[in-house]
PDB file of all heavy atoms in Angstrom:
ATOM      1  N   LEU A   1       7.572   8.362  11.648  1.00  0.00           N
ATOM      2  CA  LEU A   1       8.571   7.504  12.292  1.00  0.00           C
ATOM      3  C   LEU A   1       8.616   6.121  11.647  1.00  0.00           C
ATOM      4  O   LEU A   1       9.691   5.597  11.341  1.00  0.00           O
ATOM      5  CB  LEU A   1       8.276   7.357  13.784  1.00  0.00           C
ATOM      6  CG  LEU A   1       8.501   8.582  14.656  1.00  0.00           C
ATOM      7  CD1 LEU A   1       7.994   8.333  16.072  1.00  0.00           C
ATOM      8  CD2 LEU A   1       9.985   8.927  14.683  1.00  0.00           C
ATOM      9  N   ILE A   2       7.461   5.536  11.427  1.00  0.00           N
ATOM     10  CA  ILE A   2       7.394   4.216  10.806  1.00  0.00           C
ATOM     11  C   ILE A   2       7.889   4.292   9.363  1.00  0.00           C
ATOM     12  O   ILE A   2       8.624   3.413   8.898  1.00  0.00           O
ATOM     13  CB  ILE A   2       5.966   3.647  10.883  1.00  0.00           C
ATOM     14  CG1 ILE A   2       5.598   3.382  12.344  1.00  0.00           C
ATOM     15  CG2 ILE A   2       5.841   2.379  10.047  1.00  0.00           C
ATOM     16  CD1 ILE A   2       4.135   3.037  12.558  1.00  0.00           C
ATOM     17  N   GLY A   3       7.527   5.353   8.644  1.00  0.00           N
ATOM     18  CA  GLY A   3       7.981   5.535   7.268  1.00  0.00           C
ATOM     19  C   GLY A   3       9.495   5.613   7.171  1.00  0.00           C
ATOM     20  O   GLY A   3      10.102   5.025   6.267  1.00  0.00           O
ATOM     21  N   LYS A   4      10.130   6.306   8.096  1.00  0.00           N
ATOM     22  CA  LYS A   4      11.595   6.376   8.104  1.00  0.00           C
ATOM     23  C   LYS A   4      12.205   5.000   8.343  1.00  0.00           C
ATOM     24  O   LYS A   4      13.199   4.630   7.715  1.00  0.00           O
ATOM     25  CB  LYS A   4      12.072   7.369   9.158  1.00  0.00           C
ATOM     26  CG  LYS A   4      11.802   8.815   8.778  1.00  0.00           C
ATOM     27  CD  LYS A   4      12.231   9.771   9.866  1.00  0.00           C
ATOM     28  CE  LYS A   4      11.933  11.204   9.476  1.00  0.00           C
ATOM     29  NZ  LYS A   4      12.355  12.156  10.509  1.00  0.00           N
ATOM     30  N   ALA A   5      11.606   4.224   9.235  1.00  0.00           N
ATOM     31  CA  ALA A   5      12.093   2.864   9.494  1.00  0.00           C
ATOM     32  C   ALA A   5      11.893   1.978   8.262  1.00  0.00           C
ATOM     33  O   ALA A   5      12.772   1.187   7.917  1.00  0.00           O
ATOM     34  CB  ALA A   5      11.374   2.271  10.700  1.00  0.00           C
ATOM     35  N   LEU A   6      10.754   2.120   7.591  1.00  0.00           N
ATOM     36  CA  LEU A   6      10.516   1.350   6.365  1.00  0.00           C
ATOM     37  C   LEU A   6      11.534   1.703   5.294  1.00  0.00           C
ATOM     38  O   LEU A   6      12.036   0.822   4.578  1.00  0.00           O
ATOM     39  CB  LEU A   6       9.103   1.610   5.838  1.00  0.00           C
ATOM     40  CG  LEU A   6       7.952   0.988   6.601  1.00  0.00           C
ATOM     41  CD1 LEU A   6       6.618   1.523   6.080  1.00  0.00           C
ATOM     42  CD2 LEU A   6       7.995  -0.524   6.511  1.00  0.00           C
ATOM     43  N   ARG A   7      11.824   2.986   5.162  1.00  0.00           N
ATOM     44  CA  ARG A   7      12.795   3.417   4.147  1.00  0.00           C
ATOM     45  C   ARG A   7      14.156   2.784   4.393  1.00  0.00           C
ATOM     46  O   ARG A   7      14.809   2.305   3.468  1.00  0.00           O
ATOM     47  CB  ARG A   7      12.899   4.943   4.132  1.00  0.00           C
ATOM     48  CG  ARG A   7      13.656   5.453   2.923  1.00  0.00           C
ATOM     49  CD  ARG A   7      13.616   6.950   2.799  1.00  0.00           C
ATOM     50  NE  ARG A   7      14.189   7.551   3.989  1.00  0.00           N
ATOM     51  CZ  ARG A   7      13.807   8.716   4.499  1.00  0.00           C
ATOM     52  NH1 ARG A   7      12.843   9.394   3.940  1.00  0.00           N
ATOM     53  NH2 ARG A   7      14.381   9.199   5.566  1.00  0.00           N
ATOM     54  N   ILE A   8      14.565   2.738   5.657  1.00  0.00           N
ATOM     55  CA  ILE A   8      15.851   2.120   5.998  1.00  0.00           C
ATOM     56  C   ILE A   8      15.775   0.608   5.853  1.00  0.00           C
ATOM     57  O   ILE A   8      16.629  -0.018   5.223  1.00  0.00           O
ATOM     58  CB  ILE A   8      16.255   2.508   7.428  1.00  0.00           C
ATOM     59  CG1 ILE A   8      16.567   4.008   7.494  1.00  0.00           C
ATOM     60  CG2 ILE A   8      17.454   1.684   7.893  1.00  0.00           C
ATOM     61  CD1 ILE A   8      16.671   4.552   8.913  1.00  0.00           C
ATOM     62  N   GLY A   9      14.744   0.003   6.436  1.00  0.00           N
ATOM     63  CA  GLY A   9      14.638  -1.449   6.456  1.00  0.00           C
ATOM     64  C   GLY A   9      14.508  -2.072   5.084  1.00  0.00           C
ATOM     65  O   GLY A   9      15.043  -3.150   4.829  1.00  0.00           O
ATOM     66  N   PHE A  10      13.795  -1.398   4.181  1.00  0.00           N
ATOM     67  CA  PHE A  10      13.593  -1.937   2.834  1.00  0.00           C
ATOM     68  C   PHE A  10      14.467  -1.249   1.794  1.00  0.00           C
ATOM     69  O   PHE A  10      14.306  -1.481   0.599  1.00  0.00           O
ATOM     70  CB  PHE A  10      12.122  -1.834   2.429  1.00  0.00           C
ATOM     71  CG  PHE A  10      11.257  -2.832   3.135  1.00  0.00           C
ATOM     72  CD1 PHE A  10      10.498  -2.453   4.228  1.00  0.00           C
ATOM     73  CD2 PHE A  10      11.216  -4.151   2.731  1.00  0.00           C
ATOM     74  CE1 PHE A  10       9.706  -3.374   4.893  1.00  0.00           C
ATOM     75  CE2 PHE A  10      10.433  -5.078   3.388  1.00  0.00           C
ATOM     76  CZ  PHE A  10       9.677  -4.692   4.473  1.00  0.00           C
ATOM     77  N   ARG A  11      15.370  -0.363   2.250  1.00  0.00           N
ATOM     78  CA  ARG A  11      16.248   0.378   1.346  1.00  0.00           C
ATOM     79  C   ARG A  11      15.431   1.030   0.224  1.00  0.00           C
ATOM     80  O   ARG A  11      15.772   0.929  -0.958  1.00  0.00           O
ATOM     81  CB  ARG A  11      17.322  -0.543   0.777  1.00  0.00           C
ATOM     82  CG  ARG A  11      18.250  -1.116   1.816  1.00  0.00           C
ATOM     83  CD  ARG A  11      19.224  -2.115   1.203  1.00  0.00           C
ATOM     84  NE  ARG A  11      19.875  -2.900   2.224  1.00  0.00           N
ATOM     85  CZ  ARG A  11      19.382  -4.052   2.714  1.00  0.00           C
ATOM     86  NH1 ARG A  11      18.242  -4.524   2.280  1.00  0.00           N
ATOM     87  NH2 ARG A  11      20.039  -4.717   3.643  1.00  0.00           N
ATOM     88  N   ALA A  12      14.356   1.664   0.615  1.00  0.00           N
ATOM     89  CA  ALA A  12      13.428   2.267  -0.335  1.00  0.00           C
ATOM     90  C   ALA A  12      13.871   3.677  -0.711  1.00  0.00           C
ATOM     91  O   ALA A  12      14.441   4.395   0.104  1.00  0.00           O
ATOM     92  CB  ALA A  12      12.028   2.315   0.265  1.00  0.00           C
ATOM     93  N   ALA A  13      13.580   4.063  -1.939  1.00  0.00           N
ATOM     94  CA  ALA A  13      13.863   5.426  -2.385  1.00  0.00           C
ATOM     95  C   ALA A  13      12.919   6.410  -1.715  1.00  0.00           C
ATOM     96  O   ALA A  13      13.308   7.513  -1.360  1.00  0.00           O
ATOM     97  CB  ALA A  13      13.724   5.518  -3.909  1.00  0.00           C
ATOM     98  N   ARG A  14      11.690   5.973  -1.535  1.00  0.00           N
ATOM     99  CA  ARG A  14      10.651   6.798  -0.920  1.00  0.00           C
ATOM    100  C   ARG A  14       9.696   5.881  -0.175  1.00  0.00           C
ATOM    101  O   ARG A  14       9.668   4.681  -0.406  1.00  0.00           O
ATOM    102  CB  ARG A  14       9.825   7.538  -1.980  1.00  0.00           C
ATOM    103  CG  ARG A  14      10.584   8.538  -2.779  1.00  0.00           C
ATOM    104  CD  ARG A  14      10.461   9.876  -2.133  1.00  0.00           C
ATOM    105  NE  ARG A  14      10.799  10.909  -3.088  1.00  0.00           N
ATOM    106  CZ  ARG A  14      11.428  12.000  -2.738  1.00  0.00           C
ATOM    107  NH1 ARG A  14      11.745  12.214  -1.514  1.00  0.00           N
ATOM    108  NH2 ARG A  14      11.702  12.908  -3.630  1.00  0.00           N
ATOM    109  N   VAL A  15       8.875   6.468   0.663  1.00  0.00           N
ATOM    110  CA  VAL A  15       7.762   5.752   1.275  1.00  0.00           C
ATOM    111  C   VAL A  15       6.506   6.548   0.959  1.00  0.00           C
ATOM    112  O   VAL A  15       6.393   7.714   1.325  1.00  0.00           O
ATOM    113  CB  VAL A  15       7.942   5.580   2.800  1.00  0.00           C
ATOM    114  CG1 VAL A  15       6.703   4.960   3.416  1.00  0.00           C
ATOM    115  CG2 VAL A  15       9.175   4.736   3.098  1.00  0.00           C
ATOM    116  N   GLY A  16       5.605   5.901   0.228  1.00  0.00           N
ATOM    117  CA  GLY A  16       4.353   6.547  -0.123  1.00  0.00           C
ATOM    118  C   GLY A  16       3.409   6.537   1.066  1.00  0.00           C
ATOM    119  O   GLY A  16       3.365   5.586   1.839  1.00  0.00           O
ATOM    120  N   VAL A  17       2.671   7.635   1.226  1.00  0.00           N
ATOM    121  CA  VAL A  17       1.690   7.759   2.308  1.00  0.00           C
ATOM    122  C   VAL A  17       0.327   7.941   1.665  1.00  0.00           C
ATOM    123  O   VAL A  17       0.128   8.868   0.878  1.00  0.00           O
ATOM    124  CB  VAL A  17       2.007   8.973   3.216  1.00  0.00           C
ATOM    125  CG1 VAL A  17       0.963   9.107   4.308  1.00  0.00           C
ATOM    126  CG2 VAL A  17       3.400   8.856   3.801  1.00  0.00           C
ATOM    127  N   PHE A  18      -0.591   7.032   1.988  1.00  0.00           N
ATOM    128  CA  PHE A  18      -1.928   7.106   1.427  1.00  0.00           C
ATOM    129  C   PHE A  18      -2.950   7.079   2.550  1.00  0.00           C
ATOM    130  O   PHE A  18      -2.901   6.230   3.426  1.00  0.00           O
ATOM    131  CB  PHE A  18      -2.212   5.917   0.492  1.00  0.00           C
ATOM    132  CG  PHE A  18      -1.293   5.883  -0.695  1.00  0.00           C
ATOM    133  CD1 PHE A  18      -0.130   5.157  -0.656  1.00  0.00           C
ATOM    134  CD2 PHE A  18      -1.607   6.595  -1.830  1.00  0.00           C
ATOM    135  CE1 PHE A  18       0.727   5.128  -1.746  1.00  0.00           C
ATOM    136  CE2 PHE A  18      -0.756   6.570  -2.928  1.00  0.00           C
ATOM    137  CZ  PHE A  18       0.420   5.830  -2.886  1.00  0.00           C
ATOM    138  N   ILE A  19      -3.860   8.007   2.515  1.00  0.00           N
ATOM    139  CA  ILE A  19      -4.990   8.025   3.438  1.00  0.00           C
ATOM    140  C   ILE A  19      -6.233   8.020   2.558  1.00  0.00           C
ATOM    141  O   ILE A  19      -6.629   9.043   2.019  1.00  0.00           O
ATOM    142  CB  ILE A  19      -4.970   9.271   4.346  1.00  0.00           C
ATOM    143  CG1 ILE A  19      -3.642   9.369   5.082  1.00  0.00           C
ATOM    144  CG2 ILE A  19      -6.139   9.236   5.324  1.00  0.00           C
ATOM    145  CD1 ILE A  19      -3.425  10.669   5.822  1.00  0.00           C
ATOM    146  N   ALA A  20      -6.816   6.846   2.388  1.00  0.00           N
ATOM    147  CA  ALA A  20      -7.938   6.732   1.468  1.00  0.00           C
ATOM    148  C   ALA A  20      -9.266   6.932   2.189  1.00  0.00           C
ATOM    149  O   ALA A  20     -10.074   7.759   1.793  1.00  0.00           O
ATOM    150  CB  ALA A  20      -7.908   5.391   0.751  1.00  0.00           C
ATOM    151  N   GLY A  21      -9.526   6.159   3.216  1.00  0.00           N
ATOM    152  CA  GLY A  21     -10.733   6.343   3.998  1.00  0.00           C
ATOM    153  C   GLY A  21     -12.025   5.879   3.378  1.00  0.00           C
ATOM    154  O   GLY A  21     -13.087   6.195   3.899  1.00  0.00           O
ATOM    155  N   VAL A  22     -11.959   5.155   2.274  1.00  0.00           N
ATOM    156  CA  VAL A  22     -13.208   4.707   1.657  1.00  0.00           C
ATOM    157  C   VAL A  22     -13.402   3.200   1.726  1.00  0.00           C
ATOM    158  O   VAL A  22     -14.521   2.726   1.648  1.00  0.00           O
ATOM    159  CB  VAL A  22     -13.304   5.169   0.184  1.00  0.00           C
ATOM    160  CG1 VAL A  22     -13.389   6.675   0.111  1.00  0.00           C
ATOM    161  CG2 VAL A  22     -12.152   4.648  -0.637  1.00  0.00           C
ATOM    162  N   GLU A  23     -12.320   2.458   1.895  1.00  0.00           N
ATOM    163  CA  GLU A  23     -12.450   1.012   1.818  1.00  0.00           C
ATOM    164  C   GLU A  23     -12.867   0.349   3.132  1.00  0.00           C
ATOM    165  O   GLU A  23     -13.432  -0.737   3.108  1.00  0.00           O
ATOM    166  CB  GLU A  23     -11.154   0.371   1.282  1.00  0.00           C
ATOM    167  CG  GLU A  23      -9.950   0.493   2.205  1.00  0.00           C
ATOM    168  CD  GLU A  23      -9.221   1.828   2.127  1.00  0.00           C
ATOM    169  OE1 GLU A  23      -9.714   2.791   1.546  1.00  0.00           O
ATOM    170  OE2 GLU A  23      -8.134   1.908   2.711  1.00  0.00           O
ATOM    171  N   ILE A  24     -12.610   0.963   4.250  1.00  0.00           N
ATOM    172  CA  ILE A  24     -13.043   0.442   5.545  1.00  0.00           C
ATOM    173  C   ILE A  24     -13.441   1.606   6.446  1.00  0.00           C
ATOM    174  O   ILE A  24     -12.920   2.697   6.306  1.00  0.00           O
ATOM    175  CB  ILE A  24     -11.962  -0.433   6.232  1.00  0.00           C
ATOM    176  CG1 ILE A  24     -10.638   0.305   6.317  1.00  0.00           C
ATOM    177  CG2 ILE A  24     -11.788  -1.743   5.511  1.00  0.00           C
ATOM    178  CD1 ILE A  24      -9.558  -0.471   7.014  1.00  0.00           C
ATOM    179  N   PRO A  25     -14.376   1.375   7.357  1.00  0.00           N
ATOM    180  CA  PRO A  25     -14.941   2.493   8.132  1.00  0.00           C
ATOM    181  C   PRO A  25     -14.160   2.876   9.391  1.00  0.00           C
ATOM    182  O   PRO A  25     -14.730   2.987  10.462  1.00  0.00           O
ATOM    183  CB  PRO A  25     -16.344   1.985   8.472  1.00  0.00           C
ATOM    184  CG  PRO A  25     -16.161   0.514   8.615  1.00  0.00           C
ATOM    185  CD  PRO A  25     -15.133   0.139   7.580  1.00  0.00           C
ATOM    186  N   HIS A  26     -12.845   3.024   9.263  1.00  0.00           N
ATOM    187  CA  HIS A  26     -12.076   3.558  10.386  1.00  0.00           C
ATOM    188  C   HIS A  26     -10.822   4.243   9.847  1.00  0.00           C
ATOM    189  O   HIS A  26     -10.428   4.013   8.710  1.00  0.00           O
ATOM    190  CB  HIS A  26     -11.715   2.461  11.406  1.00  0.00           C
ATOM    191  CG  HIS A  26     -10.813   1.393  10.870  1.00  0.00           C
ATOM    192  ND1 HIS A  26     -11.289   0.193  10.413  1.00  0.00           N
ATOM    193  CD2 HIS A  26      -9.476   1.352  10.719  1.00  0.00           C
ATOM    194  CE1 HIS A  26     -10.281  -0.558   9.993  1.00  0.00           C
ATOM    195  NE2 HIS A  26      -9.166   0.124  10.162  1.00  0.00           N
ATOM    196  N   ALA A  27     -10.231   5.085  10.647  1.00  0.00           N
ATOM    197  CA  ALA A  27      -9.061   5.836  10.220  1.00  0.00           C
ATOM    198  C   ALA A  27      -7.840   4.921  10.173  1.00  0.00           C
ATOM    199  O   ALA A  27      -7.606   4.139  11.090  1.00  0.00           O
ATOM    200  CB  ALA A  27      -8.803   6.985  11.192  1.00  0.00           C
ATOM    201  N   HIS A  28      -7.098   5.009   9.094  1.00  0.00           N
ATOM    202  CA  HIS A  28      -5.833   4.294   8.985  1.00  0.00           C
ATOM    203  C   HIS A  28      -4.988   4.963   7.902  1.00  0.00           C
ATOM    204  O   HIS A  28      -5.506   5.692   7.046  1.00  0.00           O
ATOM    205  CB  HIS A  28      -6.036   2.808   8.691  1.00  0.00           C
ATOM    206  CG  HIS A  28      -6.651   2.532   7.373  1.00  0.00           C
ATOM    207  ND1 HIS A  28      -7.989   2.685   7.122  1.00  0.00           N
ATOM    208  CD2 HIS A  28      -6.093   2.126   6.214  1.00  0.00           C
ATOM    209  CE1 HIS A  28      -8.235   2.373   5.868  1.00  0.00           C
ATOM    210  NE2 HIS A  28      -7.111   2.042   5.293  1.00  0.00           N
ATOM    211  N   ILE A  29      -3.698   4.690   7.964  1.00  0.00           N
ATOM    212  CA  ILE A  29      -2.744   5.285   7.037  1.00  0.00           C
ATOM    213  C   ILE A  29      -1.966   4.153   6.378  1.00  0.00           C
ATOM    214  O   ILE A  29      -1.500   3.249   7.061  1.00  0.00           O
ATOM    215  CB  ILE A  29      -1.775   6.240   7.779  1.00  0.00           C
ATOM    216  CG1 ILE A  29      -2.561   7.371   8.441  1.00  0.00           C
ATOM    217  CG2 ILE A  29      -0.715   6.770   6.835  1.00  0.00           C
ATOM    218  CD1 ILE A  29      -1.730   8.238   9.363  1.00  0.00           C
ATOM    219  N   HIS A  30      -1.840   4.202   5.058  1.00  0.00           N
ATOM    220  CA  HIS A  30      -1.043   3.221   4.327  1.00  0.00           C
ATOM    221  C   HIS A  30       0.357   3.797   4.128  1.00  0.00           C
ATOM    222  O   HIS A  30       0.501   4.937   3.688  1.00  0.00           O
ATOM    223  CB  HIS A  30      -1.632   2.964   2.938  1.00  0.00           C
ATOM    224  CG  HIS A  30      -3.013   2.424   2.955  1.00  0.00           C
ATOM    225  ND1 HIS A  30      -3.284   1.079   2.872  1.00  0.00           N
ATOM    226  CD2 HIS A  30      -4.214   3.037   3.040  1.00  0.00           C
ATOM    227  CE1 HIS A  30      -4.588   0.896   2.896  1.00  0.00           C
ATOM    228  NE2 HIS A  30      -5.184   2.069   3.003  1.00  0.00           N
ATOM    229  N   LEU A  31       1.380   3.011   4.443  1.00  0.00           N
ATOM    230  CA  LEU A  31       2.766   3.393   4.181  1.00  0.00           C
ATOM    231  C   LEU A  31       3.349   2.333   3.264  1.00  0.00           C
ATOM    232  O   LEU A  31       3.364   1.148   3.612  1.00  0.00           O
ATOM    233  CB  LEU A  31       3.569   3.463   5.484  1.00  0.00           C
ATOM    234  CG  LEU A  31       3.049   4.470   6.506  1.00  0.00           C
ATOM    235  CD1 LEU A  31       3.761   4.306   7.832  1.00  0.00           C
ATOM    236  CD2 LEU A  31       3.223   5.880   5.983  1.00  0.00           C
ATOM    237  N   ILE A  32       3.832   2.747   2.101  1.00  0.00           N
ATOM    238  CA  ILE A  32       4.280   1.795   1.097  1.00  0.00           C
ATOM    239  C   ILE A  32       5.696   2.138   0.649  1.00  0.00           C
ATOM    240  O   ILE A  32       5.923   3.188   0.017  1.00  0.00           O
ATOM    241  CB  ILE A  32       3.321   1.797  -0.108  1.00  0.00           C
ATOM    242  CG1 ILE A  32       1.914   1.458   0.384  1.00  0.00           C
ATOM    243  CG2 ILE A  32       3.799   0.825  -1.181  1.00  0.00           C
ATOM    244  CD1 ILE A  32       0.843   1.621  -0.633  1.00  0.00           C
ATOM    245  N   PRO A  33       6.675   1.264   0.981  1.00  0.00           N
ATOM    246  CA  PRO A  33       8.038   1.497   0.494  1.00  0.00           C
ATOM    247  C   PRO A  33       8.068   1.427  -1.034  1.00  0.00           C
ATOM    248  O   PRO A  33       7.428   0.568  -1.631  1.00  0.00           O
ATOM    249  CB  PRO A  33       8.848   0.343   1.096  1.00  0.00           C
ATOM    250  CG  PRO A  33       8.000  -0.235   2.166  1.00  0.00           C
ATOM    251  CD  PRO A  33       6.576   0.061   1.791  1.00  0.00           C
ATOM    252  N   VAL A  34       8.788   2.354  -1.653  1.00  0.00           N
ATOM    253  CA  VAL A  34       8.889   2.406  -3.108  1.00  0.00           C
ATOM    254  C   VAL A  34      10.351   2.180  -3.481  1.00  0.00           C
ATOM    255  O   VAL A  34      11.229   2.895  -3.014  1.00  0.00           O
ATOM    256  CB  VAL A  34       8.396   3.768  -3.640  1.00  0.00           C
ATOM    257  CG1 VAL A  34       8.522   3.830  -5.148  1.00  0.00           C
ATOM    258  CG2 VAL A  34       6.962   4.024  -3.200  1.00  0.00           C
ATOM    259  N   GLU A  35      10.580   1.181  -4.318  1.00  0.00           N
ATOM    260  CA  GLU A  35      11.934   0.832  -4.730  1.00  0.00           C
ATOM    261  C   GLU A  35      12.542   1.917  -5.602  1.00  0.00           C
ATOM    262  O   GLU A  35      11.827   2.597  -6.344  1.00  0.00           O
ATOM    263  CB  GLU A  35      11.914  -0.480  -5.498  1.00  0.00           C
ATOM    264  CG  GLU A  35      11.432  -1.650  -4.678  1.00  0.00           C
ATOM    265  CD  GLU A  35      11.289  -2.906  -5.518  1.00  0.00           C
ATOM    266  OE1 GLU A  35      11.793  -2.947  -6.654  1.00  0.00           O
ATOM    267  OE2 GLU A  35      10.665  -3.846  -5.012  1.00  0.00           O
ATOM    268  N   PRO A  36      13.874   2.056  -5.576  1.00  0.00           N
ATOM    269  CA  PRO A  36      14.524   3.083  -6.406  1.00  0.00           C
ATOM    270  C   PRO A  36      14.203   2.948  -7.886  1.00  0.00           C
ATOM    271  O   PRO A  36      14.105   3.938  -8.594  1.00  0.00           O
ATOM    272  CB  PRO A  36      16.019   2.843  -6.163  1.00  0.00           C
ATOM    273  CG  PRO A  36      16.082   2.158  -4.845  1.00  0.00           C
ATOM    274  CD  PRO A  36      14.821   1.334  -4.741  1.00  0.00           C
ATOM    275  N   GLU A  37      14.004   1.706  -8.390  1.00  0.00           N
ATOM    276  CA  GLU A  37      13.719   1.530  -9.808  1.00  0.00           C
ATOM    277  C   GLU A  37      12.333   2.051 -10.186  1.00  0.00           C
ATOM    278  O   GLU A  37      12.070   2.358 -11.336  1.00  0.00           O
ATOM    279  CB  GLU A  37      13.793   0.050 -10.209  1.00  0.00           C
ATOM    280  CG  GLU A  37      15.125  -0.593  -9.935  1.00  0.00           C
ATOM    281  CD  GLU A  37      15.241  -1.095  -8.499  1.00  0.00           C
ATOM    282  OE1 GLU A  37      14.249  -1.604  -7.949  1.00  0.00           O
ATOM    283  OE2 GLU A  37      16.321  -0.964  -7.928  1.00  0.00           O
ATOM    284  N   VAL A  38      11.419   2.079  -9.219  1.00  0.00           N
ATOM    285  CA  VAL A  38      10.050   2.501  -9.506  1.00  0.00           C
ATOM    286  C   VAL A  38       9.935   4.014  -9.455  1.00  0.00           C
ATOM    287  O   VAL A  38       9.313   4.640 -10.294  1.00  0.00           O
ATOM    288  CB  VAL A  38       9.062   1.861  -8.512  1.00  0.00           C
ATOM    289  CG1 VAL A  38       7.655   2.384  -8.725  1.00  0.00           C
ATOM    290  CG2 VAL A  38       9.099   0.346  -8.642  1.00  0.00           C
ATOM    291  N   TYR A  39      10.553   4.608  -8.440  1.00  0.00           N
ATOM    292  CA  TYR A  39      10.457   6.069  -8.285  1.00  0.00           C
ATOM    293  C   TYR A  39      11.730   6.701  -8.807  1.00  0.00           C
ATOM    294  O   TYR A  39      12.818   6.351  -8.398  1.00  0.00           O
ATOM    295  CB  TYR A  39      10.259   6.441  -6.826  1.00  0.00           C
ATOM    296  CG  TYR A  39      10.175   7.937  -6.646  1.00  0.00           C
ATOM    297  CD1 TYR A  39       8.970   8.594  -6.822  1.00  0.00           C
ATOM    298  CD2 TYR A  39      11.298   8.679  -6.362  1.00  0.00           C
ATOM    299  CE1 TYR A  39       8.886   9.966  -6.694  1.00  0.00           C
ATOM    300  CE2 TYR A  39      11.223  10.056  -6.239  1.00  0.00           C
ATOM    301  CZ  TYR A  39      10.017  10.688  -6.407  1.00  0.00           C
ATOM    302  OH  TYR A  39       9.941  12.031  -6.292  1.00  0.00           O
ATOM    303  N   ARG A  40      11.604   7.623  -9.694  1.00  0.00           N
ATOM    304  CA  ARG A  40      12.755   8.355 -10.197  1.00  0.00           C
ATOM    305  C   ARG A  40      12.602   9.806  -9.781  1.00  0.00           C
ATOM    306  O   ARG A  40      11.506  10.351  -9.793  1.00  0.00           O
ATOM    307  CB  ARG A  40      12.826   8.246 -11.714  1.00  0.00           C
ATOM    308  CG  ARG A  40      13.041   6.816 -12.169  1.00  0.00           C
ATOM    309  CD  ARG A  40      13.121   6.756 -13.666  1.00  0.00           C
ATOM    310  NE  ARG A  40      13.293   5.385 -14.082  1.00  0.00           N
ATOM    311  CZ  ARG A  40      13.087   4.977 -15.309  1.00  0.00           C
ATOM    312  NH1 ARG A  40      12.698   5.823 -16.235  1.00  0.00           N
ATOM    313  NH2 ARG A  40      13.268   3.724 -15.627  1.00  0.00           N
ATOM    314  N   MET A  41      13.700  10.434  -9.438  1.00  0.00           N
ATOM    315  CA  MET A  41      13.647  11.823  -8.991  1.00  0.00           C
ATOM    316  C   MET A  41      13.044  12.705 -10.083  1.00  0.00           C
ATOM    317  O   MET A  41      13.222  12.475 -11.258  1.00  0.00           O
ATOM    318  CB  MET A  41      15.044  12.329  -8.633  1.00  0.00           C
ATOM    319  CG  MET A  41      15.684  11.565  -7.483  1.00  0.00           C
ATOM    320  SD  MET A  41      14.667  11.486  -5.993  1.00  0.00           S
ATOM    321  CE  MET A  41      14.815  13.160  -5.439  1.00  0.00           C
ATOM    322  N   GLY A  42      12.324  13.702  -9.681  1.00  0.00           N
ATOM    323  CA  GLY A  42      11.680  14.603 -10.616  1.00  0.00           C
ATOM    324  C   GLY A  42      10.436  13.970 -11.199  1.00  0.00           C
ATOM    325  O   GLY A  42       9.741  13.205 -10.552  1.00  0.00           O
TER     326      GLY A  42
END
């Protein structure tokens, strides 16, 4: 849900989802809007 809002709000081509789990000792999810110039289809 948040990723869809980020995609609309930032006019992003995609929203990257990262679950790393090594940098801090609790569960969290990274959502990163990706600009159309950075991500190309295929």
